[in-house]
Amino acid sequence: ENLVILSKKYDLYLLTQGNPEIQKQKIKSAKIEKFFK
């Protein structure tokens, strides 16, 4: 809900550290990529 609200007002970026393939899978599984520029 916060991502929905904030993405309407700000450019959102996501930063994550770790194995890139695992991090990509977590982002995909959480279904949040659409919120981030």
ModelCIF file with pLDDT and N, C-alpha, C, O atoms, coordinates in Angstrom:
data_MODEL
#
_entry.id   MODEL 
#
_entity.id                         1 
_entity.type                       polymer 
_entity.pdbx_number_of_molecules   1 
#
_entity_poly.entity_id                      1 
_entity_poly.type                           'polypeptide(L)' 
_entity_poly.nstd_linkage                   no 
_entity_poly.nstd_monomer                   no 
_entity_poly.pdbx_seq_one_letter_code       ENLVILSKKYDLYLLTQGNPEIQKQKIKSAKIEKFFK 
_entity_poly.pdbx_seq_one_letter_code_can   ENLVILSKKYDLYLLTQGNPEIQKQKIKSAKIEKFFK 
_entity_poly.pdbx_strand_id                 A 
#
loop_
_entity_poly_seq.entity_id 
_entity_poly_seq.num 
_entity_poly_seq.mon_id 
_entity_poly_seq.hetero 
1 1  GLU n 
1 2  ASN n 
1 3  LEU n 
1 4  VAL n 
1 5  ILE n 
1 6  LEU n 
1 7  SER n 
1 8  LYS n 
1 9  LYS n 
1 10 TYR n 
1 11 ASP n 
1 12 LEU n 
1 13 TYR n 
1 14 LEU n 
1 15 LEU n 
1 16 THR n 
1 17 GLN n 
1 18 GLY n 
1 19 ASN n 
1 20 PRO n 
1 21 GLU n 
1 22 ILE n 
1 23 GLN n 
1 24 LYS n 
1 25 GLN n 
1 26 LYS n 
1 27 ILE n 
1 28 LYS n 
1 29 SER n 
1 30 ALA n 
1 31 LYS n 
1 32 ILE n 
1 33 GLU n 
1 34 LYS n 
1 35 PHE n 
1 36 PHE n 
1 37 LYS n 
#
_struct_asym.id          A 
_struct_asym.entity_id   1 
#
loop_
_ma_qa_metric.id 
_ma_qa_metric.mode 
_ma_qa_metric.name 
_ma_qa_metric.software_group_id 
_ma_qa_metric.type 
1 global pLDDT . pLDDT 
2 local  pLDDT . pLDDT 
#
_ma_qa_metric_global.metric_id      1 
_ma_qa_metric_global.metric_value   94.24 
_ma_qa_metric_global.model_id       1 
_ma_qa_metric_global.ordinal_id     1 
#
loop_
_ma_qa_metric_local.label_asym_id 
_ma_qa_metric_local.label_comp_id 
_ma_qa_metric_local.label_seq_id 
_ma_qa_metric_local.metric_id 
_ma_qa_metric_local.metric_value 
_ma_qa_metric_local.model_id 
_ma_qa_metric_local.ordinal_id 
A GLU 1  2 97.00 1 1  
A ASN 2  2 97.00 1 2  
A LEU 3  2 97.00 1 3  
A VAL 4  2 97.00 1 4  
A ILE 5  2 97.00 1 5  
A LEU 6  2 96.00 1 6  
A SER 7  2 96.00 1 7  
A LYS 8  2 95.00 1 8  
A LYS 9  2 95.00 1 9  
A TYR 10 2 95.00 1 10 
A ASP 11 2 94.00 1 11 
A LEU 12 2 96.00 1 12 
A TYR 13 2 94.00 1 13 
A LEU 14 2 94.00 1 14 
A LEU 15 2 90.00 1 15 
A THR 16 2 90.00 1 16 
A GLN 17 2 88.00 1 17 
A GLY 18 2 86.00 1 18 
A ASN 19 2 88.00 1 19 
A PRO 20 2 90.00 1 20 
A GLU 21 2 92.00 1 21 
A ILE 22 2 91.00 1 22 
A GLN 23 2 93.00 1 23 
A LYS 24 2 95.00 1 24 
A GLN 25 2 95.00 1 25 
A LYS 26 2 94.00 1 26 
A ILE 27 2 96.00 1 27 
A LYS 28 2 95.00 1 28 
A SER 29 2 94.00 1 29 
A ALA 30 2 95.00 1 30 
A LYS 31 2 95.00 1 31 
A ILE 32 2 97.00 1 32 
A GLU 33 2 96.00 1 33 
A LYS 34 2 97.00 1 34 
A PHE 35 2 98.00 1 35 
A PHE 36 2 97.00 1 36 
A LYS 37 2 95.00 1 37 
#
loop_
_atom_site.group_PDB 
_atom_site.id 
_atom_site.type_symbol 
_atom_site.label_atom_id 
_atom_site.label_alt_id 
_atom_site.label_comp_id 
_atom_site.label_asym_id 
_atom_site.label_entity_id 
_atom_site.label_seq_id 
_atom_site.pdbx_PDB_ins_code 
_atom_site.Cartn_x 
_atom_site.Cartn_y 
_atom_site.Cartn_z 
_atom_site.occupancy 
_atom_site.B_iso_or_equiv 
_atom_site.pdbx_formal_charge 
_atom_site.auth_seq_id 
_atom_site.auth_comp_id 
_atom_site.auth_asym_id 
_atom_site.auth_atom_id 
_atom_site.pdbx_PDB_model_num 
ATOM 1   N N  . GLU A 1 1  ? 0.831  -1.200  0.000   1.00 97.00 ? 1  GLU A N  1 
ATOM 2   C CA . GLU A 1 1  ? 0.000  0.000   0.000   1.00 97.00 ? 1  GLU A CA 1 
ATOM 3   C C  . GLU A 1 1  ? 0.873  1.259   0.000   1.00 97.00 ? 1  GLU A C  1 
ATOM 4   O O  . GLU A 1 1  ? 0.561  2.237   -0.680  1.00 97.00 ? 1  GLU A O  1 
ATOM 5   N N  . ASN A 1 2  ? 1.958  1.228   0.761   1.00 97.00 ? 2  ASN A N  1 
ATOM 6   C CA . ASN A 1 2  ? 2.876  2.370   0.772   1.00 97.00 ? 2  ASN A CA 1 
ATOM 7   C C  . ASN A 1 2  ? 3.533  2.560   -0.580  1.00 97.00 ? 2  ASN A C  1 
ATOM 8   O O  . ASN A 1 2  ? 3.694  3.693   -1.035  1.00 97.00 ? 2  ASN A O  1 
ATOM 9   N N  . LEU A 1 3  ? 3.918  1.467   -1.232  1.00 97.00 ? 3  LEU A N  1 
ATOM 10  C CA . LEU A 1 3  ? 4.520  1.578   -2.563  1.00 97.00 ? 3  LEU A CA 1 
ATOM 11  C C  . LEU A 1 3  ? 3.532  2.172   -3.566  1.00 97.00 ? 3  LEU A C  1 
ATOM 12  O O  . LEU A 1 3  ? 3.910  2.990   -4.404  1.00 97.00 ? 3  LEU A O  1 
ATOM 13  N N  . VAL A 1 4  ? 2.283  1.765   -3.481  1.00 97.00 ? 4  VAL A N  1 
ATOM 14  C CA . VAL A 1 4  ? 1.253  2.305   -4.378  1.00 97.00 ? 4  VAL A CA 1 
ATOM 15  C C  . VAL A 1 4  ? 1.141  3.812   -4.198  1.00 97.00 ? 4  VAL A C  1 
ATOM 16  O O  . VAL A 1 4  ? 1.153  4.564   -5.173  1.00 97.00 ? 4  VAL A O  1 
ATOM 17  N N  . ILE A 1 5  ? 1.032  4.242   -2.965  1.00 97.00 ? 5  ILE A N  1 
ATOM 18  C CA . ILE A 1 5  ? 0.867  5.665   -2.673  1.00 97.00 ? 5  ILE A CA 1 
ATOM 19  C C  . ILE A 1 5  ? 2.115  6.455   -3.063  1.00 97.00 ? 5  ILE A C  1 
ATOM 20  O O  . ILE A 1 5  ? 2.020  7.482   -3.734  1.00 97.00 ? 5  ILE A O  1 
ATOM 21  N N  . LEU A 1 6  ? 3.269  5.977   -2.646  1.00 96.00 ? 6  LEU A N  1 
ATOM 22  C CA . LEU A 1 6  ? 4.513  6.714   -2.885  1.00 96.00 ? 6  LEU A CA 1 
ATOM 23  C C  . LEU A 1 6  ? 4.903  6.753   -4.356  1.00 96.00 ? 6  LEU A C  1 
ATOM 24  O O  . LEU A 1 6  ? 5.494  7.730   -4.817  1.00 96.00 ? 6  LEU A O  1 
ATOM 25  N N  . SER A 1 7  ? 4.577  5.697   -5.095  1.00 96.00 ? 7  SER A N  1 
ATOM 26  C CA . SER A 1 7  ? 4.953  5.662   -6.519  1.00 96.00 ? 7  SER A CA 1 
ATOM 27  C C  . SER A 1 7  ? 4.171  6.687   -7.344  1.00 96.00 ? 7  SER A C  1 
ATOM 28  O O  . SER A 1 7  ? 4.572  7.019   -8.459  1.00 96.00 ? 7  SER A O  1 
ATOM 29  N N  . LYS A 1 8  ? 3.079  7.180   -6.812  1.00 95.00 ? 8  LYS A N  1 
ATOM 30  C CA . LYS A 1 8  ? 2.309  8.214   -7.505  1.00 95.00 ? 8  LYS A CA 1 
ATOM 31  C C  . LYS A 1 8  ? 2.929  9.600   -7.337  1.00 95.00 ? 8  LYS A C  1 
ATOM 32  O O  . LYS A 1 8  ? 2.660  10.508  -8.124  1.00 95.00 ? 8  LYS A O  1 
ATOM 33  N N  . LYS A 1 9  ? 3.753  9.755   -6.313  1.00 95.00 ? 9  LYS A N  1 
ATOM 34  C CA . LYS A 1 9  ? 4.311  11.068  -5.996  1.00 95.00 ? 9  LYS A CA 1 
ATOM 35  C C  . LYS A 1 9  ? 5.820  11.163  -6.242  1.00 95.00 ? 9  LYS A C  1 
ATOM 36  O O  . LYS A 1 9  ? 6.339  12.249  -6.503  1.00 95.00 ? 9  LYS A O  1 
ATOM 37  N N  . TYR A 1 10 ? 6.515  10.042  -6.161  1.00 95.00 ? 10 TYR A N  1 
ATOM 38  C CA . TYR A 1 10 ? 7.977  10.030  -6.248  1.00 95.00 ? 10 TYR A CA 1 
ATOM 39  C C  . TYR A 1 10 ? 8.455  8.997   -7.266  1.00 95.00 ? 10 TYR A C  1 
ATOM 40  O O  . TYR A 1 10 ? 7.737  8.060   -7.615  1.00 95.00 ? 10 TYR A O  1 
ATOM 41  N N  . ASP A 1 11 ? 9.675  9.194   -7.725  1.00 94.00 ? 11 ASP A N  1 
ATOM 42  C CA . ASP A 1 11 ? 10.355 8.149   -8.472  1.00 94.00 ? 11 ASP A CA 1 
ATOM 43  C C  . ASP A 1 11 ? 10.930 7.192   -7.433  1.00 94.00 ? 11 ASP A C  1 
ATOM 44  O O  . ASP A 1 11 ? 11.719 7.587   -6.574  1.00 94.00 ? 11 ASP A O  1 
ATOM 45  N N  . LEU A 1 12 ? 10.527 5.942   -7.525  1.00 96.00 ? 12 LEU A N  1 
ATOM 46  C CA . LEU A 1 12 ? 11.007 4.951   -6.572  1.00 96.00 ? 12 LEU A CA 1 
ATOM 47  C C  . LEU A 1 12 ? 12.096 4.104   -7.205  1.00 96.00 ? 12 LEU A C  1 
ATOM 48  O O  . LEU A 1 12 ? 12.012 3.724   -8.373  1.00 96.00 ? 12 LEU A O  1 
ATOM 49  N N  . TYR A 1 13 ? 13.115 3.818   -6.415  1.00 94.00 ? 13 TYR A N  1 
ATOM 50  C CA . TYR A 1 13 ? 14.215 2.962   -6.836  1.00 94.00 ? 13 TYR A CA 1 
ATOM 51  C C  . TYR A 1 13 ? 14.361 1.856   -5.807  1.00 94.00 ? 13 TYR A C  1 
ATOM 52  O O  . TYR A 1 13 ? 14.065 2.043   -4.627  1.00 94.00 ? 13 TYR A O  1 
ATOM 53  N N  . LEU A 1 14 ? 14.820 0.706   -6.269  1.00 94.00 ? 14 LEU A N  1 
ATOM 54  C CA . LEU A 1 14 ? 15.047 -0.422  -5.372  1.00 94.00 ? 14 LEU A CA 1 
ATOM 55  C C  . LEU A 1 14 ? 16.520 -0.779  -5.416  1.00 94.00 ? 14 LEU A C  1 
ATOM 56  O O  . LEU A 1 14 ? 17.107 -0.908  -6.490  1.00 94.00 ? 14 LEU A O  1 
ATOM 57  N N  . LEU A 1 15 ? 17.109 -0.937  -4.255  1.00 90.00 ? 15 LEU A N  1 
ATOM 58  C CA . LEU A 1 15 ? 18.502 -1.332  -4.107  1.00 90.00 ? 15 LEU A CA 1 
ATOM 59  C C  . LEU A 1 15 ? 18.536 -2.617  -3.303  1.00 90.00 ? 15 LEU A C  1 
ATOM 60  O O  . LEU A 1 15 ? 17.913 -2.708  -2.245  1.00 90.00 ? 15 LEU A O  1 
ATOM 61  N N  . THR A 1 16 ? 19.258 -3.605  -3.795  1.00 90.00 ? 16 THR A N  1 
ATOM 62  C CA . THR A 1 16 ? 19.372 -4.841  -3.051  1.00 90.00 ? 16 THR A CA 1 
ATOM 63  C C  . THR A 1 16 ? 20.752 -5.440  -3.278  1.00 90.00 ? 16 THR A C  1 
ATOM 64  O O  . THR A 1 16 ? 21.345 -5.303  -4.348  1.00 90.00 ? 16 THR A O  1 
ATOM 65  N N  . GLN A 1 17 ? 21.242 -6.104  -2.247  1.00 88.00 ? 17 GLN A N  1 
ATOM 66  C CA . GLN A 1 17 ? 22.582 -6.680  -2.308  1.00 88.00 ? 17 GLN A CA 1 
ATOM 67  C C  . GLN A 1 17 ? 22.499 -8.178  -2.080  1.00 88.00 ? 17 GLN A C  1 
ATOM 68  O O  . GLN A 1 17 ? 21.757 -8.653  -1.220  1.00 88.00 ? 17 GLN A O  1 
ATOM 69  N N  . GLY A 1 18 ? 23.261 -8.900  -2.855  1.00 86.00 ? 18 GLY A N  1 
ATOM 70  C CA . GLY A 1 18 ? 23.303 -10.348 -2.738  1.00 86.00 ? 18 GLY A CA 1 
ATOM 71  C C  . GLY A 1 18 ? 23.482 -10.977 -4.104  1.00 86.00 ? 18 GLY A C  1 
ATOM 72  O O  . GLY A 1 18 ? 23.775 -10.293 -5.085  1.00 86.00 ? 18 GLY A O  1 
ATOM 73  N N  . ASN A 1 19 ? 23.305 -12.264 -4.157  1.00 88.00 ? 19 ASN A N  1 
ATOM 74  C CA . ASN A 1 19 ? 23.391 -12.971 -5.430  1.00 88.00 ? 19 ASN A CA 1 
ATOM 75  C C  . ASN A 1 19 ? 22.335 -12.391 -6.365  1.00 88.00 ? 19 ASN A C  1 
ATOM 76  O O  . ASN A 1 19 ? 21.144 -12.451 -6.060  1.00 88.00 ? 19 ASN A O  1 
ATOM 77  N N  . PRO A 1 20 ? 22.755 -11.829 -7.503  1.00 90.00 ? 20 PRO A N  1 
ATOM 78  C CA . PRO A 1 20 ? 21.800 -11.149 -8.386  1.00 90.00 ? 20 PRO A CA 1 
ATOM 79  C C  . PRO A 1 20 ? 20.633 -12.026 -8.845  1.00 90.00 ? 20 PRO A C  1 
ATOM 80  O O  . PRO A 1 20 ? 19.501 -11.549 -8.929  1.00 90.00 ? 20 PRO A O  1 
ATOM 81  N N  . GLU A 1 21 ? 20.888 -13.274 -9.137  1.00 92.00 ? 21 GLU A N  1 
ATOM 82  C CA . GLU A 1 21 ? 19.798 -14.145 -9.599  1.00 92.00 ? 21 GLU A CA 1 
ATOM 83  C C  . GLU A 1 21 ? 18.783 -14.403 -8.498  1.00 92.00 ? 21 GLU A C  1 
ATOM 84  O O  . GLU A 1 21 ? 17.579 -14.435 -8.755  1.00 92.00 ? 21 GLU A O  1 
ATOM 85  N N  . ILE A 1 22 ? 19.256 -14.586 -7.286  1.00 91.00 ? 22 ILE A N  1 
ATOM 86  C CA . ILE A 1 22 ? 18.346 -14.803 -6.149  1.00 91.00 ? 22 ILE A CA 1 
ATOM 87  C C  . ILE A 1 22 ? 17.565 -13.525 -5.864  1.00 91.00 ? 22 ILE A C  1 
ATOM 88  O O  . ILE A 1 22 ? 16.360 -13.580 -5.622  1.00 91.00 ? 22 ILE A O  1 
ATOM 89  N N  . GLN A 1 23 ? 18.239 -12.373 -5.890  1.00 93.00 ? 23 GLN A N  1 
ATOM 90  C CA . GLN A 1 23 ? 17.559 -11.112 -5.629  1.00 93.00 ? 23 GLN A CA 1 
ATOM 91  C C  . GLN A 1 23 ? 16.499 -10.834 -6.699  1.00 93.00 ? 23 GLN A C  1 
ATOM 92  O O  . GLN A 1 23 ? 15.398 -10.383 -6.381  1.00 93.00 ? 23 GLN A O  1 
ATOM 93  N N  . LYS A 1 24 ? 16.827 -11.100 -7.953  1.00 95.00 ? 24 LYS A N  1 
ATOM 94  C CA . LYS A 1 24 ? 15.843 -10.918 -9.039  1.00 95.00 ? 24 LYS A CA 1 
ATOM 95  C C  . LYS A 1 24 ? 14.624 -11.802 -8.818  1.00 95.00 ? 24 LYS A C  1 
ATOM 96  O O  . LYS A 1 24 ? 13.491 -11.370 -9.031  1.00 95.00 ? 24 LYS A O  1 
ATOM 97  N N  . GLN A 1 25 ? 14.856 -13.048 -8.388  1.00 95.00 ? 25 GLN A N  1 
ATOM 98  C CA . GLN A 1 25 ? 13.741 -13.969 -8.165  1.00 95.00 ? 25 GLN A CA 1 
ATOM 99  C C  . GLN A 1 25 ? 12.867 -13.492 -7.010  1.00 95.00 ? 25 GLN A C  1 
ATOM 100 O O  . GLN A 1 25 ? 11.642 -13.577 -7.086  1.00 95.00 ? 25 GLN A O  1 
ATOM 101 N N  . LYS A 1 26 ? 13.484 -12.991 -5.943  1.00 94.00 ? 26 LYS A N  1 
ATOM 102 C CA . LYS A 1 26 ? 12.696 -12.485 -4.811  1.00 94.00 ? 26 LYS A CA 1 
ATOM 103 C C  . LYS A 1 26 ? 11.837 -11.294 -5.240  1.00 94.00 ? 26 LYS A C  1 
ATOM 104 O O  . LYS A 1 26 ? 10.675 -11.193 -4.845  1.00 94.00 ? 26 LYS A O  1 
ATOM 105 N N  . ILE A 1 27 ? 12.398 -10.403 -6.036  1.00 96.00 ? 27 ILE A N  1 
ATOM 106 C CA . ILE A 1 27 ? 11.645 -9.242  -6.527  1.00 96.00 ? 27 ILE A CA 1 
ATOM 107 C C  . ILE A 1 27 ? 10.465 -9.702  -7.377  1.00 96.00 ? 27 ILE A C  1 
ATOM 108 O O  . ILE A 1 27 ? 9.349  -9.205  -7.228  1.00 96.00 ? 27 ILE A O  1 
ATOM 109 N N  . LYS A 1 28 ? 10.722 -10.653 -8.266  1.00 95.00 ? 28 LYS A N  1 
ATOM 110 C CA . LYS A 1 28 ? 9.665  -11.189 -9.130  1.00 95.00 ? 28 LYS A CA 1 
ATOM 111 C C  . LYS A 1 28 ? 8.581  -11.870 -8.293  1.00 95.00 ? 28 LYS A C  1 
ATOM 112 O O  . LYS A 1 28 ? 7.391  -11.673 -8.541  1.00 95.00 ? 28 LYS A O  1 
ATOM 113 N N  . SER A 1 29 ? 8.984  -12.660 -7.316  1.00 94.00 ? 29 SER A N  1 
ATOM 114 C CA . SER A 1 29 ? 8.030  -13.390 -6.483  1.00 94.00 ? 29 SER A CA 1 
ATOM 115 C C  . SER A 1 29 ? 7.214  -12.475 -5.580  1.00 94.00 ? 29 SER A C  1 
ATOM 116 O O  . SER A 1 29 ? 6.078  -12.793 -5.229  1.00 94.00 ? 29 SER A O  1 
ATOM 117 N N  . ALA A 1 30 ? 7.794  -11.338 -5.204  1.00 95.00 ? 30 ALA A N  1 
ATOM 118 C CA . ALA A 1 30 ? 7.064  -10.372 -4.381  1.00 95.00 ? 30 ALA A CA 1 
ATOM 119 C C  . ALA A 1 30 ? 6.161  -9.481  -5.226  1.00 95.00 ? 30 ALA A C  1 
ATOM 120 O O  . ALA A 1 30 ? 5.327  -8.749  -4.694  1.00 95.00 ? 30 ALA A O  1 
ATOM 121 N N  . LYS A 1 31 ? 6.333  -9.547  -6.546  1.00 95.00 ? 31 LYS A N  1 
ATOM 122 C CA . LYS A 1 31 ? 5.522  -8.783  -7.496  1.00 95.00 ? 31 LYS A CA 1 
ATOM 123 C C  . LYS A 1 31 ? 5.564  -7.279  -7.209  1.00 95.00 ? 31 LYS A C  1 
ATOM 124 O O  . LYS A 1 31 ? 4.531  -6.626  -7.060  1.00 95.00 ? 31 LYS A O  1 
ATOM 125 N N  . ILE A 1 32 ? 6.785  -6.753  -7.137  1.00 97.00 ? 32 ILE A N  1 
ATOM 126 C CA . ILE A 1 32 ? 6.936  -5.334  -6.818  1.00 97.00 ? 32 ILE A CA 1 
ATOM 127 C C  . ILE A 1 32 ? 7.699  -4.544  -7.875  1.00 97.00 ? 32 ILE A C  1 
ATOM 128 O O  . ILE A 1 32 ? 7.835  -3.327  -7.744  1.00 97.00 ? 32 ILE A O  1 
ATOM 129 N N  . GLU A 1 33 ? 8.196  -5.198  -8.911  1.00 96.00 ? 33 GLU A N  1 
ATOM 130 C CA . GLU A 1 33 ? 9.031  -4.505  -9.894  1.00 96.00 ? 33 GLU A CA 1 
ATOM 131 C C  . GLU A 1 33 ? 8.316  -3.337  -10.562 1.00 96.00 ? 33 GLU A C  1 
ATOM 132 O O  . GLU A 1 33 ? 8.964  -2.369  -10.959 1.00 96.00 ? 33 GLU A O  1 
ATOM 133 N N  . LYS A 1 34 ? 7.003  -3.408  -10.692 1.00 97.00 ? 34 LYS A N  1 
ATOM 134 C CA . LYS A 1 34 ? 6.255  -2.354  -11.383 1.00 97.00 ? 34 LYS A CA 1 
ATOM 135 C C  . LYS A 1 34 ? 6.293  -1.009  -10.652 1.00 97.00 ? 34 LYS A C  1 
ATOM 136 O O  . LYS A 1 34 ? 6.021  0.027   -11.258 1.00 97.00 ? 34 LYS A O  1 
ATOM 137 N N  . PHE A 1 35 ? 6.623  -1.015  -9.377  1.00 98.00 ? 35 PHE A N  1 
ATOM 138 C CA . PHE A 1 35 ? 6.630  0.222   -8.600  1.00 98.00 ? 35 PHE A CA 1 
ATOM 139 C C  . PHE A 1 35 ? 7.907  1.041   -8.779  1.00 98.00 ? 35 PHE A C  1 
ATOM 140 O O  . PHE A 1 35 ? 7.948  2.216   -8.415  1.00 98.00 ? 35 PHE A O  1 
ATOM 141 N N  . PHE A 1 36 ? 8.943  0.426   -9.338  1.00 97.00 ? 36 PHE A N  1 
ATOM 142 C CA . PHE A 1 36 ? 10.256 1.053   -9.332  1.00 97.00 ? 36 PHE A CA 1 
ATOM 143 C C  . PHE A 1 36 ? 10.680 1.531   -10.711 1.00 97.00 ? 36 PHE A C  1 
ATOM 144 O O  . PHE A 1 36 ? 10.546 0.829   -11.713 1.00 97.00 ? 36 PHE A O  1 
ATOM 145 N N  . LYS A 1 37 ? 11.192 2.746   -10.720 1.00 95.00 ? 37 LYS A N  1 
ATOM 146 C CA . LYS A 1 37 ? 11.716 3.319   -11.955 1.00 95.00 ? 37 LYS A CA 1 
ATOM 147 C C  . LYS A 1 37 ? 12.953 2.540   -12.402 1.00 95.00 ? 37 LYS A C  1 
ATOM 148 O O  . LYS A 1 37 ? 13.549 2.864   -13.429 1.00 95.00 ? 37 LYS A O  1 
#
